[in-house]
Protein backbone atom coordinates (compact mmCIF):
# COMPACT_ATOMS: atom_id res chain seq x y z
CA MET A 1 -100.89 -29.49 8.99
CA LYS A 2 -99.51 -27.71 5.98
CA LYS A 3 -100.16 -24.02 5.54
CA GLY A 4 -101.95 -24.61 2.26
CA THR A 5 -104.16 -27.22 3.75
CA TYR A 6 -105.00 -25.00 6.61
CA TYR A 7 -106.21 -22.26 4.34
CA ILE A 8 -108.27 -24.84 2.35
CA TRP A 9 -110.07 -25.96 5.68
CA ILE A 10 -110.84 -22.42 6.59
CA ILE A 11 -112.34 -21.49 3.26
CA GLY A 12 -114.24 -24.77 3.16
CA PHE A 13 -115.66 -24.06 6.69
CA LEU A 14 -116.72 -20.68 5.91
CA ALA A 15 -118.41 -21.79 2.77
CA LEU A 16 -120.13 -24.51 4.67
CA VAL A 17 -121.46 -21.91 7.34
CA LEU A 18 -122.62 -19.57 4.55
CA LEU A 19 -124.50 -22.37 2.77
CA THR A 20 -126.16 -23.52 6.01
CA ASP A 21 -127.20 -19.97 6.83
CA ALA A 22 -128.60 -19.44 3.45
CA TYR A 23 -130.75 -22.50 3.71
CA VAL A 24 -132.23 -21.38 7.07
CA GLN A 25 -132.89 -17.92 5.82
CA ILE A 26 -134.35 -18.97 2.44
CA SER A 27 -136.78 -21.42 4.32
CA GLN A 28 -137.84 -18.70 7.03
CA SER A 29 -137.85 -15.45 4.91
CA PRO A 30 -141.44 -14.07 4.25
CA VAL A 31 -139.96 -12.06 1.40
CA PRO A 32 -137.67 -12.84 -1.67
CA ILE A 33 -134.23 -13.39 -0.19
CA TRP A 34 -132.51 -10.81 -2.43
CA GLN A 35 -134.64 -8.15 -1.00
CA THR A 36 -133.33 -8.54 2.40
CA GLU A 37 -130.33 -7.00 4.22
CA TRP A 38 -129.11 -10.47 4.96
CA PHE A 39 -128.58 -11.17 1.31
CA MET A 40 -126.32 -8.06 0.85
CA TRP A 41 -124.09 -9.13 3.78
CA ARG A 42 -124.00 -12.75 2.74
CA ALA A 43 -123.21 -11.72 -0.85
CA ALA A 44 -120.33 -9.66 0.26
CA ALA A 45 -119.08 -12.48 2.47
CA LEU A 46 -119.18 -14.84 -0.56
CA VAL A 47 -117.32 -12.31 -2.64
CA LEU A 48 -114.50 -12.31 0.07
CA ILE A 49 -114.43 -16.08 0.27
CA LEU A 50 -114.06 -16.36 -3.48
CA ALA A 51 -111.42 -13.59 -3.48
CA GLY A 52 -109.59 -15.51 -0.79
CA LEU A 53 -109.77 -18.68 -2.82
CA ALA A 54 -108.44 -16.90 -5.90
CA TYR A 55 -105.60 -15.42 -3.95
CA TYR A 56 -104.69 -18.79 -2.57
CA MET A 57 -104.80 -20.38 -5.99
CA TYR A 58 -102.58 -17.52 -7.36
CA HIS A 59 -100.16 -17.79 -4.48
CA LYS A 60 -99.78 -21.57 -5.12
CA ALA A 61 -99.36 -21.06 -8.83
CA VAL A 62 -96.64 -18.53 -8.15
CA GLU A 63 -94.88 -20.75 -5.70
CA LYS A 64 -94.96 -23.60 -8.28
CA LYS A 65 -93.63 -21.56 -11.01
CA LYS A 66 -90.84 -20.43 -8.79
CA LYS A 67 -89.84 -23.84 -7.81
CA GLU A 68 -89.95 -25.15 -11.44
CA PHE A 69 -87.76 -22.09 -12.33
CA GLU A 70 -85.28 -22.85 -9.63
CA GLU A 71 -85.14 -26.49 -10.70
CA PHE A 72 -84.76 -25.42 -14.38
CA LYS A 73 -81.84 -23.10 -13.50
CA LYS A 74 -80.24 -25.96 -11.66
CA LYS A 75 -80.59 -28.30 -14.64
CA ILE A 76 -79.31 -25.52 -17.02
CA LEU A 77 -76.25 -25.11 -14.73
CA GLU A 78 -75.66 -28.79 -14.69
CA SER A 79 -75.93 -28.95 -18.56
CA GLN A 80 -73.55 -25.97 -18.98
CA GLU A 81 -71.16 -27.71 -16.68
CA LYS A 82 -71.16 -30.84 -18.73
CA ASP A 83 -70.71 -28.87 -21.93
CA TRP A 84 -67.72 -27.02 -20.54
CA LYS A 85 -66.14 -30.22 -19.46
CA LEU A 86 -66.60 -31.70 -22.83
CA ILE A 87 -65.26 -28.63 -24.59
CA ALA A 88 -62.21 -28.57 -22.16
CA GLY A 89 -61.64 -32.18 -22.91
CA GLU A 90 -61.79 -31.54 -26.72
CA LEU A 91 -59.39 -28.53 -26.42
CA HIS A 92 -56.88 -30.58 -24.43
CA ASP A 93 -57.12 -33.93 -26.36
CA SER A 94 -57.21 -32.40 -29.91
CA VAL A 95 -56.14 -28.85 -30.11
CA GLY A 96 -53.71 -28.96 -27.27
CA GLN A 97 -51.89 -32.07 -28.59
CA ASN A 98 -51.82 -30.52 -32.20
CA LEU A 99 -50.26 -27.40 -30.96
CA SER A 100 -47.67 -29.35 -28.95
CA ALA A 101 -46.85 -31.42 -32.12
CA ILE A 102 -46.60 -28.23 -34.16
CA ASN A 103 -44.15 -26.76 -31.66
CA ILE A 104 -41.94 -29.93 -31.80
CA PHE A 105 -41.82 -29.79 -35.59
CA VAL A 106 -40.93 -26.01 -35.60
CA GLN A 107 -38.31 -26.45 -32.88
CA GLN A 108 -36.72 -29.25 -34.83
CA ASN A 109 -36.61 -27.26 -38.05
CA ILE A 110 -35.12 -24.22 -36.28
CA ARG A 111 -32.24 -26.38 -34.91
CA LYS A 112 -31.69 -27.79 -38.46
CA ILE A 113 -31.78 -24.36 -39.98
CA GLU A 114 -29.19 -23.22 -37.23
CA GLU A 115 -27.07 -26.21 -38.11
CA GLY A 116 -27.34 -25.62 -41.83
CA ASN A 117 -29.39 -28.81 -42.49
CA ALA A 118 -32.70 -27.19 -43.47
CA GLU A 119 -35.52 -29.45 -44.50
CA THR A 120 -39.14 -28.91 -45.48
CA GLY A 121 -40.69 -32.16 -44.36
CA GLY A 122 -41.18 -31.01 -40.74
CA LEU A 123 -42.61 -27.68 -41.90
CA VAL A 124 -45.06 -29.41 -44.27
CA GLN A 125 -46.19 -31.61 -41.28
CA ALA A 126 -46.49 -28.52 -39.08
CA SER A 127 -48.52 -26.71 -41.73
CA ALA A 128 -50.88 -29.70 -42.19
CA LEU A 129 -51.30 -29.83 -38.34
CA VAL A 130 -52.10 -26.09 -38.33
CA VAL A 131 -54.82 -26.65 -40.88
CA GLU A 132 -56.23 -29.54 -38.95
CA THR A 133 -56.14 -27.47 -35.74
CA LEU A 134 -57.99 -24.60 -37.34
CA ASP A 135 -60.80 -26.95 -38.51
CA GLU A 136 -61.05 -28.37 -35.01
CA VAL A 137 -61.26 -24.86 -33.48
CA ARG A 138 -64.04 -24.03 -35.94
CA ARG A 139 -65.89 -27.20 -35.07
CA ILE A 140 -65.67 -26.44 -31.24
CA SER A 141 -66.73 -22.87 -32.02
CA GLN A 142 -69.72 -24.09 -34.08
CA ASN A 143 -70.78 -26.33 -31.05
CA LEU A 144 -70.53 -23.20 -28.74
CA TYR A 145 -72.66 -20.97 -31.04
CA PRO A 146 -73.91 -21.60 -34.59
CA LYS A 147 -72.95 -18.24 -36.10
CA GLN A 148 -74.07 -19.33 -39.51
CA ILE A 149 -77.65 -18.70 -38.38
CA GLU A 150 -76.91 -14.97 -38.40
CA ARG A 151 -75.09 -15.12 -41.78
CA LEU A 152 -77.25 -17.55 -43.70
CA GLY A 153 -80.57 -17.92 -41.69
CA LEU A 154 -82.11 -20.70 -39.77
CA THR A 155 -83.41 -22.78 -42.67
CA ILE A 156 -80.15 -23.05 -44.53
CA SER A 157 -78.25 -23.59 -41.29
CA LEU A 158 -80.41 -26.63 -40.50
CA GLN A 159 -79.98 -27.94 -44.08
CA ALA A 160 -76.28 -27.52 -43.82
CA MET A 161 -76.05 -29.23 -40.50
CA ILE A 162 -78.12 -32.19 -41.73
CA GLU A 163 -75.86 -32.51 -44.80
CA ARG A 164 -72.69 -32.48 -42.64
CA LEU A 165 -74.18 -35.17 -40.41
CA GLN A 166 -75.09 -37.34 -43.50
CA SER A 167 -71.60 -36.93 -44.91
CA ALA A 168 -69.95 -37.84 -41.49
CA THR A 169 -72.16 -40.74 -40.58
CA GLY A 170 -73.37 -42.33 -43.67
CA ILE A 171 -76.95 -42.32 -42.34
CA LYS A 172 -79.48 -41.04 -45.06
CA PHE A 173 -81.31 -38.00 -44.06
CA ASN A 174 -84.34 -37.08 -45.94
CA HIS A 175 -85.50 -33.61 -45.13
CA ASN A 176 -88.30 -31.24 -46.03
CA ILE A 177 -87.88 -27.95 -44.37
CA GLU A 178 -89.97 -24.89 -45.17
CA ILE A 179 -88.53 -21.55 -44.91
CA ILE A 180 -88.82 -20.44 -41.24
CA ASP A 181 -86.38 -17.47 -41.15
CA SER A 182 -87.40 -14.43 -39.03
CA TYR A 183 -90.49 -16.24 -37.43
CA LEU A 184 -88.57 -16.55 -34.21
CA THR A 185 -86.49 -14.43 -32.09
CA LYS A 186 -82.69 -14.63 -32.69
CA GLU A 187 -82.44 -16.34 -29.29
CA ASN A 188 -85.17 -18.82 -30.05
CA GLU A 189 -83.73 -19.63 -33.42
CA VAL A 190 -80.50 -20.75 -31.77
CA GLN A 191 -82.60 -22.77 -29.28
CA PHE A 192 -84.67 -24.36 -32.04
CA PHE A 193 -81.45 -25.26 -33.87
CA ARG A 194 -80.10 -26.87 -30.67
CA VAL A 195 -83.24 -28.98 -30.30
CA VAL A 196 -83.04 -30.29 -33.85
CA GLN A 197 -79.25 -30.76 -33.37
CA GLU A 198 -79.69 -32.62 -30.13
CA ILE A 199 -82.33 -34.95 -31.47
CA LEU A 200 -80.29 -35.87 -34.55
CA ASN A 201 -77.12 -36.55 -32.27
CA ASN A 202 -79.26 -38.71 -30.11
CA ILE A 203 -80.23 -40.72 -33.09
CA ILE A 204 -76.70 -41.00 -34.29
CA ARG A 205 -75.40 -42.14 -30.91
CA HIS A 206 -78.31 -44.54 -29.83
CA ALA A 207 -80.62 -45.49 -32.60
CA ASP A 208 -78.41 -47.39 -35.08
CA ALA A 209 -80.57 -46.07 -37.75
CA ARG A 210 -80.06 -46.12 -41.57
CA THR A 211 -82.66 -43.43 -42.55
CA VAL A 212 -83.88 -40.44 -40.84
CA ASN A 213 -86.90 -38.31 -42.20
CA ILE A 214 -87.09 -34.69 -41.12
CA ALA A 215 -90.16 -32.43 -41.70
CA ILE A 216 -90.40 -28.87 -40.53
CA ARG A 217 -93.54 -26.93 -41.45
CA LYS A 218 -94.75 -23.61 -40.59
CA SER A 219 -98.48 -22.71 -39.96
CA SER A 220 -100.07 -19.41 -39.21
CA ILE A 221 -99.07 -19.49 -35.43
CA PHE A 222 -96.70 -22.66 -34.96
CA ILE A 223 -93.64 -24.33 -36.31
CA LYS A 224 -94.42 -27.98 -36.41
CA SER A 225 -91.52 -30.59 -36.64
CA GLU A 226 -91.33 -34.31 -36.97
CA ILE A 227 -88.07 -36.34 -36.87
CA GLU A 228 -88.41 -40.09 -37.55
CA ASP A 229 -85.80 -42.85 -37.63
CA ASP A 230 -85.84 -46.50 -38.51
CA GLY A 231 -83.51 -47.47 -35.70
CA ILE A 232 -83.85 -49.89 -32.84
CA GLY A 233 -86.25 -47.72 -30.82
CA PHE A 234 -86.71 -47.88 -27.02
CA ASP A 235 -89.29 -47.97 -24.43
CA ALA A 236 -90.24 -44.32 -24.06
CA GLU A 237 -92.09 -44.81 -20.78
CA ALA A 238 -89.30 -46.84 -19.14
CA ALA A 239 -86.31 -44.93 -20.39
CA PRO A 240 -85.25 -42.04 -18.18
CA GLY A 241 -85.07 -38.70 -20.10
CA SER A 242 -81.57 -38.09 -19.04
CA GLY A 243 -80.42 -41.53 -20.20
CA PHE A 244 -81.34 -40.62 -23.82
CA GLY A 245 -80.38 -37.06 -23.69
CA LEU A 246 -84.03 -35.94 -23.64
CA LEU A 247 -83.76 -33.85 -20.59
CA ASN A 248 -81.77 -31.10 -22.41
CA ILE A 249 -84.28 -31.13 -25.25
CA GLU A 250 -87.31 -30.84 -22.91
CA GLU A 251 -85.63 -27.83 -21.12
CA ARG A 252 -84.93 -26.07 -24.35
CA LEU A 253 -88.42 -26.57 -25.50
CA ARG A 254 -89.65 -25.15 -22.27
CA LEU A 255 -87.79 -22.04 -23.05
CA LEU A 256 -89.43 -21.94 -26.42
CA LYS A 257 -92.87 -22.70 -24.72
CA GLY A 258 -93.20 -25.70 -27.01
CA ASN A 259 -94.73 -29.13 -26.83
CA PHE A 260 -92.67 -32.31 -27.17
CA ASP A 261 -93.98 -35.87 -27.77
CA ILE A 262 -92.05 -39.17 -28.35
CA ASN A 263 -93.47 -42.36 -30.00
CA SER A 264 -91.12 -45.26 -29.88
CA THR A 265 -91.25 -48.96 -29.82
CA PRO A 266 -88.21 -51.36 -29.48
CA GLY A 267 -87.24 -52.66 -32.89
CA LYS A 268 -89.59 -50.18 -34.75
CA GLY A 269 -87.74 -46.91 -34.68
CA THR A 270 -88.71 -43.61 -33.05
CA ARG A 271 -90.66 -40.48 -33.91
CA PHE A 272 -90.16 -37.03 -32.29
CA ASN A 273 -92.73 -34.45 -32.64
CA PHE A 274 -92.44 -30.90 -31.16
CA THR A 275 -94.45 -27.80 -31.81
CA ILE A 276 -93.43 -24.15 -30.90
CA PRO A 277 -95.38 -20.87 -31.22
CA LEU A 278 -94.18 -18.20 -33.58
CA ARG A 279 -92.98 -15.02 -31.90
């Protein structure tokens, strides 16, 4: 028998004994029951039983929270490992190859200069690759940490991200974003930005959508967000969260103490709703 079940049986047995005793005493007492010494002792026993029950419930809640936190840390570590592998691959495949090509162009021109056959074509190509590499480094840096939030604020950063995605994908993004700067802590602003970014990336990768509508509004105590696409949709109940990249979103929203809801039907698009409290 589990330890928790054992406690429940003990508390239940004591409560049953107390109720039986109370019934007997009430039926036999010649005076009102609350005027007897028995009542004082049984009231104290009842308080102890309730206190024991409260302690048990508190203990179980603490254990549950601890278990959830350990699972959450494991998921975060797995997510970070996945992100680092992705970044390492991008650095190797893009930045590393560009730097190798730049080195080849520079070495070739050094030899030509030494031989008295200086040309500018290789240097022009090297310069173009330097510019391309800098853009790639900025993109990777942006994925690591959206520093424009500190410079421009959360609202403009979200709008800029949406416009970049529209330019890169050809998907039409209609957005109505109220000013939400300074209503979250700096850490939570980054998490909120990542949630929106992750949802939009999922739509781009999986939804085959032509139009996406984004509405982010602020009430007195919440920020309410709705992101809807006209894509292929999916079975929200059957599809595993990790399969559609939803696990990362749910974990970030847990950090934000937010609520997350998905409505989707195959062939009829998907609507993401999430609400987070202001700081």
